[in-house]
Amino acid sequence: MKQNRFLISGGGTGGHIYPAISIAEELSTKFDNNKILFVGSCDRMEMQKVPEYGYDIKGLWISGINRKLHFSNLLVPLKVLLSIIKSYFIIKNFKPDFVVGTGGFASGPVLYVASKLKIPTLIQEQNSYPGITNRILSKSVNYICVSYPKMDRYFPKSKLLFTGNPVRKDIYVSTISKEVSLEFFSLNKNKKTLLVLGGSLGALKINEFIKSNLNYFKKLGIQVLWQCGKNYFQQYQSFDSDIVKVKPFIKRMNYAYKVADYIVSRSGASVISELCIVGKPVIFIPSPNVAEDHQTKNAMSIVNLNSAEIVKEKDLDTEFNRVFEKIFTNEEYSLKLSNSIKKIERPNATVDIVNKINSFLK
């Protein structure tokens, strides 16, 4: 039996890593005899996260341009050149049948080299506003899988596949009960739970706001499951208590989503896709520090459908409590948000992407 070999590149943030892992898991299900290799950036979180899921990964010495004037920007052209050369040798040695990119610095050189070598390629764009890497790659790859309509503004229409974002299988096939999940986090079954997600690395402004409002949530009778990010855990772990659970990172997200009655979250495209499947009332707090403000654009695509609320970082102190109480004190509105966001879900995204790969290889 022929072995199918797949090269996957994506990383930098969980928003690029977890779609890549989801695709890898589905490829492993679809193709009995397969070999999967990841390529990431040497100093980014994929070098740790990908092996945790049992996959091999090779690293490239590559990073993006620092938006502030910094001497490290002088190294970017050299990093790109060396990463293209290393990608060439990785591809020549591994001999992939298909190459997939989910975004992040490393995917650029890998997909560029693969397309020049006439190896079939696919990029998966999570955001409503694509990054510069995928816009450049779109000219040479075979397929572009997207999660939002009207993406032909940025990509060749003939290559577009409207699939949605891949979501980890344990999110959309979770059979874990709420009781088991509450016990897992040592939470009180008689209290409502607020889940706070500031991204895998953490968000300082969100963390500071949550810290300052712990008494507010306590007065409302709400317990908090707070993913503060590994960069900030030492700073906030002292606030851990019976009703506040502080975590650097939550690996069992299916458990976390199950216990949540309300969710405060960044609005990266991947977490939005998960939240659509989970179907809980959400307040988005977009990161203002990402290219082209795409997190705000992502969030507004949901808010404009009356399926979530949004509070900008700069308005946290003046607007958050009003918006939260609008949800907390009105069960009918809370249920409406839950039902509405659930209608946007696309749980078959990963299967649709892998089926396209399969049809190409047949």
Protein backbone atom coordinates (compact mmCIF):
# COMPACT_ATOMS: atom_id res chain seq x y z
CA MET A 1 0.00 0.00 0.00
CA LYS A 2 1.32 3.42 -0.99
CA GLN A 3 2.21 5.68 1.91
CA ASN A 4 0.69 9.15 1.69
CA ARG A 5 3.07 11.82 2.93
CA PHE A 6 1.83 15.22 4.13
CA LEU A 7 3.80 18.29 5.09
CA ILE A 8 1.97 20.85 7.25
CA SER A 9 3.24 24.29 8.18
CA GLY A 10 1.59 26.74 10.53
CA GLY A 11 2.32 28.35 13.85
CA GLY A 12 3.20 31.34 15.93
CA THR A 13 -0.14 31.32 17.74
CA GLY A 14 -2.76 28.76 18.69
CA GLY A 15 -4.93 30.21 15.94
CA HIS A 16 -2.54 28.77 13.35
CA ILE A 17 -1.39 25.70 15.27
CA TYR A 18 -4.70 24.08 16.21
CA PRO A 19 -6.23 24.20 12.71
CA ALA A 20 -3.02 22.53 11.50
CA ILE A 21 -3.32 19.82 14.16
CA SER A 22 -7.00 19.32 13.33
CA ILE A 23 -6.13 18.77 9.67
CA ALA A 24 -3.35 16.35 10.65
CA GLU A 25 -5.74 14.34 12.82
CA GLU A 26 -8.29 14.09 10.03
CA LEU A 27 -5.58 13.12 7.50
CA SER A 28 -4.54 10.33 9.88
CA THR A 29 -8.16 9.14 9.97
CA LYS A 30 -8.67 9.37 6.21
CA PHE A 31 -5.40 7.77 5.10
CA ASP A 32 -4.50 4.50 6.80
CA ASN A 33 -0.90 4.52 5.64
CA ASN A 34 0.39 8.06 6.16
CA LYS A 35 3.36 10.07 7.32
CA ILE A 36 2.91 13.63 8.57
CA LEU A 37 5.66 16.17 9.22
CA PHE A 38 5.19 19.70 10.56
CA VAL A 39 7.40 22.71 9.90
CA GLY A 40 7.31 25.69 12.25
CA SER A 41 9.36 28.62 13.53
CA CYS A 42 12.22 27.61 15.82
CA ASP A 43 11.34 29.85 18.76
CA ARG A 44 7.54 29.72 18.62
CA MET A 45 4.99 27.67 20.56
CA GLU A 46 4.41 25.09 17.80
CA MET A 47 7.78 23.52 18.63
CA GLN A 48 6.26 22.46 21.96
CA LYS A 49 2.57 22.01 21.10
CA VAL A 50 2.87 19.86 17.97
CA PRO A 51 4.97 17.08 19.61
CA GLU A 52 2.39 16.95 22.43
CA TYR A 53 -0.04 15.64 19.79
CA GLY A 54 2.46 13.02 18.62
CA TYR A 55 3.74 14.64 15.43
CA ASP A 56 7.32 15.38 14.34
CA ILE A 57 8.25 18.98 13.62
CA LYS A 58 11.22 20.76 12.10
CA GLY A 59 12.01 24.41 12.80
CA LEU A 60 12.96 27.31 10.56
CA TRP A 61 14.86 30.37 11.74
CA ILE A 62 12.27 32.91 10.67
CA SER A 63 10.24 35.76 12.10
CA GLY A 64 8.16 38.66 10.89
CA ILE A 65 9.05 42.31 10.64
CA ASN A 66 8.91 44.21 13.91
CA ARG A 67 6.45 47.06 13.35
CA LYS A 68 8.61 49.29 15.53
CA LEU A 69 12.02 50.31 14.21
CA HIS A 70 14.33 47.61 15.49
CA PHE A 71 17.72 46.24 14.45
CA SER A 72 16.20 42.73 14.25
CA ASN A 73 14.41 43.81 11.06
CA LEU A 74 17.80 43.85 9.33
CA LEU A 75 17.96 40.07 9.78
CA VAL A 76 14.57 39.38 8.16
CA PRO A 77 15.83 39.08 4.53
CA LEU A 78 18.58 36.69 5.68
CA LYS A 79 16.09 34.63 7.70
CA VAL A 80 13.74 34.38 4.71
CA LEU A 81 16.55 33.29 2.38
CA LEU A 82 17.88 30.66 4.81
CA SER A 83 14.35 29.42 5.51
CA ILE A 84 13.68 28.99 1.78
CA ILE A 85 16.89 26.98 1.44
CA LYS A 86 16.10 24.82 4.48
CA SER A 87 12.50 24.33 3.26
CA TYR A 88 13.87 23.09 -0.05
CA PHE A 89 15.96 20.41 1.66
CA ILE A 90 13.14 19.41 4.03
CA ILE A 91 10.78 18.95 1.08
CA LYS A 92 13.37 17.10 -1.01
CA ASN A 93 14.12 14.71 1.86
CA PHE A 94 10.54 14.18 3.02
CA LYS A 95 9.01 14.00 -0.48
CA PRO A 96 5.45 15.07 0.45
CA ASP A 97 2.47 14.24 -1.74
CA PHE A 98 0.66 17.33 -0.51
CA VAL A 99 1.62 20.46 1.46
CA VAL A 100 -0.76 22.42 3.70
CA GLY A 101 -0.20 25.86 5.21
CA THR A 102 -2.32 27.34 7.99
CA GLY A 103 -0.53 30.67 8.39
CA GLY A 104 2.36 31.95 10.44
CA PHE A 105 5.87 32.91 9.42
CA ALA A 106 7.12 29.42 8.61
CA SER A 107 4.34 28.62 6.16
CA GLY A 108 5.58 31.23 3.68
CA PRO A 109 8.92 29.64 2.68
CA VAL A 110 7.49 26.09 2.86
CA LEU A 111 4.49 26.76 0.61
CA TYR A 112 6.56 28.91 -1.73
CA VAL A 113 9.13 26.18 -2.29
CA ALA A 114 6.49 23.43 -2.59
CA SER A 115 4.59 25.36 -5.26
CA LYS A 116 7.79 26.02 -7.23
CA LEU A 117 8.52 22.28 -7.10
CA LYS A 118 5.00 21.62 -8.49
CA ILE A 119 3.88 19.81 -5.36
CA PRO A 120 0.12 20.29 -4.76
CA THR A 121 -0.55 22.90 -2.09
CA LEU A 122 -3.40 24.30 -0.03
CA ILE A 123 -3.56 27.24 2.33
CA GLN A 124 -6.17 27.60 5.04
CA GLU A 125 -6.97 31.23 5.84
CA GLN A 126 -8.73 31.64 9.18
CA ASN A 127 -9.40 35.37 9.18
CA SER A 128 -11.85 37.67 7.44
CA TYR A 129 -8.87 39.81 6.44
CA PRO A 130 -5.97 37.64 5.21
CA GLY A 131 -2.38 38.14 6.25
CA ILE A 132 0.30 39.25 3.82
CA THR A 133 1.89 35.78 3.67
CA ASN A 134 -1.27 34.08 2.42
CA ARG A 135 -2.04 36.91 0.01
CA ILE A 136 1.37 36.40 -1.60
CA LEU A 137 1.06 32.61 -1.59
CA SER A 138 -2.42 32.71 -3.13
CA LYS A 139 -0.90 33.36 -6.55
CA SER A 140 0.91 30.03 -6.60
CA VAL A 141 -1.00 27.50 -4.45
CA ASN A 142 -3.68 25.14 -5.77
CA TYR A 143 -6.45 25.75 -3.24
CA ILE A 144 -7.40 28.38 -0.67
CA CYS A 145 -9.82 27.32 2.08
CA VAL A 146 -11.59 30.25 3.73
CA SER A 147 -14.04 30.86 6.55
CA TYR A 148 -15.78 34.03 5.44
CA PRO A 149 -17.75 34.99 2.32
CA LYS A 150 -16.54 37.52 -0.27
CA MET A 151 -12.91 36.48 0.10
CA ASP A 152 -12.47 36.86 -3.66
CA ARG A 153 -11.62 40.47 -2.76
CA TYR A 154 -8.23 39.13 -1.70
CA PHE A 155 -7.80 35.78 -3.44
CA PRO A 156 -8.34 34.31 -6.94
CA LYS A 157 -11.99 33.21 -7.01
CA SER A 158 -11.21 30.02 -8.95
CA LYS A 159 -9.10 28.68 -6.07
CA LEU A 160 -11.49 29.45 -3.21
CA LEU A 161 -13.22 26.81 -1.09
CA PHE A 162 -15.64 28.04 1.58
CA THR A 163 -15.04 25.44 4.29
CA GLY A 164 -14.92 27.27 7.61
CA ASN A 165 -12.10 26.85 10.12
CA PRO A 166 -10.86 23.45 11.31
CA VAL A 167 -11.77 22.82 14.93
CA ARG A 168 -10.20 20.27 17.25
CA LYS A 169 -12.24 17.08 17.19
CA ASP A 170 -12.65 16.97 20.98
CA ILE A 171 -14.57 20.27 20.74
CA TYR A 172 -17.28 19.20 18.32
CA VAL A 173 -17.61 15.55 19.39
CA SER A 174 -17.26 16.15 23.13
CA THR A 175 -19.26 13.70 25.27
CA ILE A 176 -17.95 15.05 28.57
CA SER A 177 -20.69 16.03 31.02
CA LYS A 178 -20.86 19.39 32.75
CA GLU A 179 -20.66 17.65 36.15
CA VAL A 180 -17.40 15.89 35.26
CA SER A 181 -15.99 19.13 33.82
CA LEU A 182 -16.86 21.14 36.94
CA GLU A 183 -15.16 18.50 39.08
CA PHE A 184 -12.12 18.56 36.81
CA PHE A 185 -11.58 22.27 37.54
CA SER A 186 -12.78 22.01 41.18
CA LEU A 187 -15.63 24.41 40.47
CA ASN A 188 -18.92 24.79 42.33
CA LYS A 189 -21.89 23.23 40.53
CA ASN A 190 -24.25 25.74 42.18
CA LYS A 191 -22.55 28.83 40.73
CA LYS A 192 -22.52 30.28 37.22
CA THR A 193 -19.10 30.19 35.57
CA LEU A 194 -17.35 32.88 33.52
CA LEU A 195 -14.63 31.54 31.22
CA VAL A 196 -11.94 34.10 30.33
CA LEU A 197 -9.75 33.43 27.30
CA GLY A 198 -7.05 35.97 26.50
CA GLY A 199 -5.25 33.78 23.99
CA SER A 200 -2.62 31.10 24.55
CA LEU A 201 0.11 33.61 25.43
CA GLY A 202 -2.15 35.90 27.44
CA ALA A 203 -3.50 39.46 27.17
CA LEU A 204 -2.28 42.00 29.72
CA LYS A 205 -5.21 44.43 29.42
CA ILE A 206 -7.78 41.64 29.85
CA ASN A 207 -5.84 40.16 32.77
CA GLU A 208 -5.60 43.50 34.53
CA PHE A 209 -9.29 44.13 34.05
CA ILE A 210 -10.28 40.69 35.39
CA LYS A 211 -7.96 41.15 38.39
CA SER A 212 -9.56 44.52 39.18
CA ASN A 213 -13.09 43.11 38.88
CA LEU A 214 -12.85 39.83 40.81
CA ASN A 215 -14.91 41.34 43.64
CA TYR A 216 -17.51 42.48 41.10
CA PHE A 217 -17.93 38.92 39.83
CA LYS A 218 -17.95 37.61 43.40
CA LYS A 219 -20.84 39.96 44.29
CA LEU A 220 -22.78 38.61 41.32
CA GLY A 221 -22.20 35.08 42.61
CA ILE A 222 -20.06 34.13 39.61
CA GLN A 223 -16.97 31.93 39.67
CA VAL A 224 -14.19 32.56 37.17
CA LEU A 225 -12.12 30.10 35.11
CA TRP A 226 -9.31 32.36 33.96
CA GLN A 227 -6.75 31.42 31.32
CA CYS A 228 -4.28 34.23 31.89
CA GLY A 229 -1.60 32.93 29.49
CA LYS A 230 1.77 31.39 30.24
CA ASN A 231 3.47 34.80 29.99
CA TYR A 232 1.43 36.10 32.92
CA PHE A 233 0.81 33.09 35.16
CA GLN A 234 3.37 34.03 37.81
CA GLN A 235 1.86 37.50 37.96
CA TYR A 236 -1.70 36.29 38.62
CA GLN A 237 -1.52 32.83 40.17
CA SER A 238 -1.88 34.31 43.68
CA PHE A 239 -5.51 35.13 42.83
CA ASP A 240 -6.38 31.44 42.56
CA SER A 241 -9.09 30.52 45.09
CA ASP A 242 -12.25 28.46 45.56
CA ILE A 243 -14.12 30.69 43.13
CA VAL A 244 -11.28 31.83 40.87
CA LYS A 245 -9.27 29.24 38.97
CA VAL A 246 -6.17 30.75 37.35
CA LYS A 247 -4.54 28.71 34.57
CA PRO A 248 -1.53 29.50 32.38
CA PHE A 249 -3.08 27.44 29.60
CA ILE A 250 -6.11 25.17 29.38
CA LYS A 251 -5.36 21.96 27.51
CA ARG A 252 -8.81 20.41 28.04
CA MET A 253 -10.77 23.10 26.25
CA ASN A 254 -13.74 20.77 25.81
CA TYR A 255 -14.02 20.67 29.60
CA ALA A 256 -13.65 24.45 29.86
CA TYR A 257 -16.34 25.13 27.28
CA LYS A 258 -18.66 22.68 29.02
CA VAL A 259 -18.47 24.47 32.39
CA ALA A 260 -18.85 27.96 30.91
CA ASP A 261 -22.11 29.84 31.25
CA TYR A 262 -20.57 33.02 29.83
CA ILE A 263 -17.36 33.51 27.84
CA VAL A 264 -15.03 36.48 27.47
CA SER A 265 -12.60 35.93 24.64
CA ARG A 266 -10.19 37.37 22.13
CA SER A 267 -11.53 37.10 18.59
CA GLY A 268 -8.94 35.15 16.68
CA ALA A 269 -10.63 33.25 13.88
CA SER A 270 -9.99 29.79 15.32
CA VAL A 271 -11.47 30.51 18.73
CA ILE A 272 -14.50 32.10 17.02
CA SER A 273 -15.05 28.87 15.10
CA GLU A 274 -14.92 26.92 18.36
CA LEU A 275 -17.30 29.33 20.08
CA CYS A 276 -19.82 28.95 17.25
CA ILE A 277 -19.86 25.20 17.89
CA VAL A 278 -19.97 25.61 21.68
CA GLY A 279 -22.95 27.97 21.55
CA LYS A 280 -22.57 30.07 24.72
CA PRO A 281 -23.06 33.84 25.26
CA VAL A 282 -19.81 35.57 24.28
CA ILE A 283 -18.27 38.98 24.79
CA PHE A 284 -15.40 39.53 22.37
CA ILE A 285 -12.46 41.73 23.36
CA PRO A 286 -10.40 41.96 20.15
CA SER A 287 -6.67 42.42 20.29
CA PRO A 288 -5.81 45.87 18.90
CA ASN A 289 -2.22 44.74 18.30
CA VAL A 290 -2.68 42.49 15.27
CA ALA A 291 -2.13 43.31 11.61
CA GLU A 292 -4.96 45.22 9.91
CA ASP A 293 -7.02 44.99 13.13
CA HIS A 294 -8.36 41.66 11.86
CA GLN A 295 -9.61 40.52 15.27
CA THR A 296 -12.08 43.40 15.33
CA LYS A 297 -13.18 42.51 11.81
CA ASN A 298 -13.61 38.87 12.86
CA ALA A 299 -15.65 39.82 15.92
CA MET A 300 -17.86 42.26 14.03
CA SER A 301 -18.76 39.55 11.51
CA ILE A 302 -20.44 37.75 14.42
CA VAL A 303 -21.73 40.83 16.28
CA ASN A 304 -23.41 42.13 13.11
CA LEU A 305 -25.46 38.92 13.06
CA ASN A 306 -26.65 39.71 16.61
CA SER A 307 -24.82 36.59 17.80
CA ALA A 308 -22.31 38.07 20.30
CA GLU A 309 -21.32 41.26 22.08
CA ILE A 310 -18.09 43.23 21.70
CA VAL A 311 -16.15 45.52 24.03
CA LYS A 312 -12.94 47.13 22.83
CA GLU A 313 -9.92 47.08 25.12
CA LYS A 314 -9.94 50.84 25.49
CA ASP A 315 -13.58 50.70 26.67
CA LEU A 316 -13.24 47.89 29.21
CA ASP A 317 -13.51 50.09 32.29
CA THR A 318 -16.50 52.04 30.99
CA GLU A 319 -18.45 49.48 28.95
CA PHE A 320 -17.79 45.91 30.08
CA ASN A 321 -19.95 45.78 33.20
CA ARG A 322 -22.93 47.25 31.36
CA VAL A 323 -22.63 44.73 28.53
CA PHE A 324 -22.03 41.80 30.88
CA GLU A 325 -25.05 42.65 33.03
CA LYS A 326 -27.16 42.90 29.88
CA ILE A 327 -26.42 39.19 29.35
CA PHE A 328 -26.28 38.11 33.00
CA THR A 329 -29.60 39.64 34.06
CA ASN A 330 -31.58 38.66 30.97
CA GLU A 331 -31.83 34.91 30.45
CA GLU A 332 -33.91 35.36 27.32
CA TYR A 333 -31.20 37.52 25.72
CA SER A 334 -28.49 35.14 26.89
CA LEU A 335 -30.31 32.22 25.27
CA LYS A 336 -30.85 34.23 22.09
CA LEU A 337 -27.09 34.85 21.78
CA SER A 338 -26.37 31.15 22.40
CA ASN A 339 -28.82 29.98 19.75
CA SER A 340 -27.78 32.62 17.24
CA ILE A 341 -24.03 31.96 17.38
CA LYS A 342 -24.70 28.23 17.16
CA LYS A 343 -26.34 28.72 13.75
CA ILE A 344 -23.04 29.96 12.31
CA GLU A 345 -21.10 26.78 13.14
CA ARG A 346 -19.35 24.81 10.41
CA PRO A 347 -18.31 21.60 12.19
CA ASN A 348 -17.35 19.79 8.98
CA ALA A 349 -14.57 22.21 7.99
CA THR A 350 -11.71 19.79 8.64
CA VAL A 351 -13.45 16.91 6.86
CA ASP A 352 -14.21 19.12 3.84
CA ILE A 353 -10.57 20.25 3.61
CA VAL A 354 -9.22 16.71 3.84
CA ASN A 355 -11.79 15.44 1.32
CA LYS A 356 -10.51 18.05 -1.13
CA ILE A 357 -6.95 16.86 -0.57
CA ASN A 358 -8.09 13.27 -1.07
CA SER A 359 -9.92 14.05 -4.32
CA PHE A 360 -6.81 15.79 -5.65
CA LEU A 361 -4.59 12.81 -4.86
CA LYS A 362 -6.88 10.20 -6.41
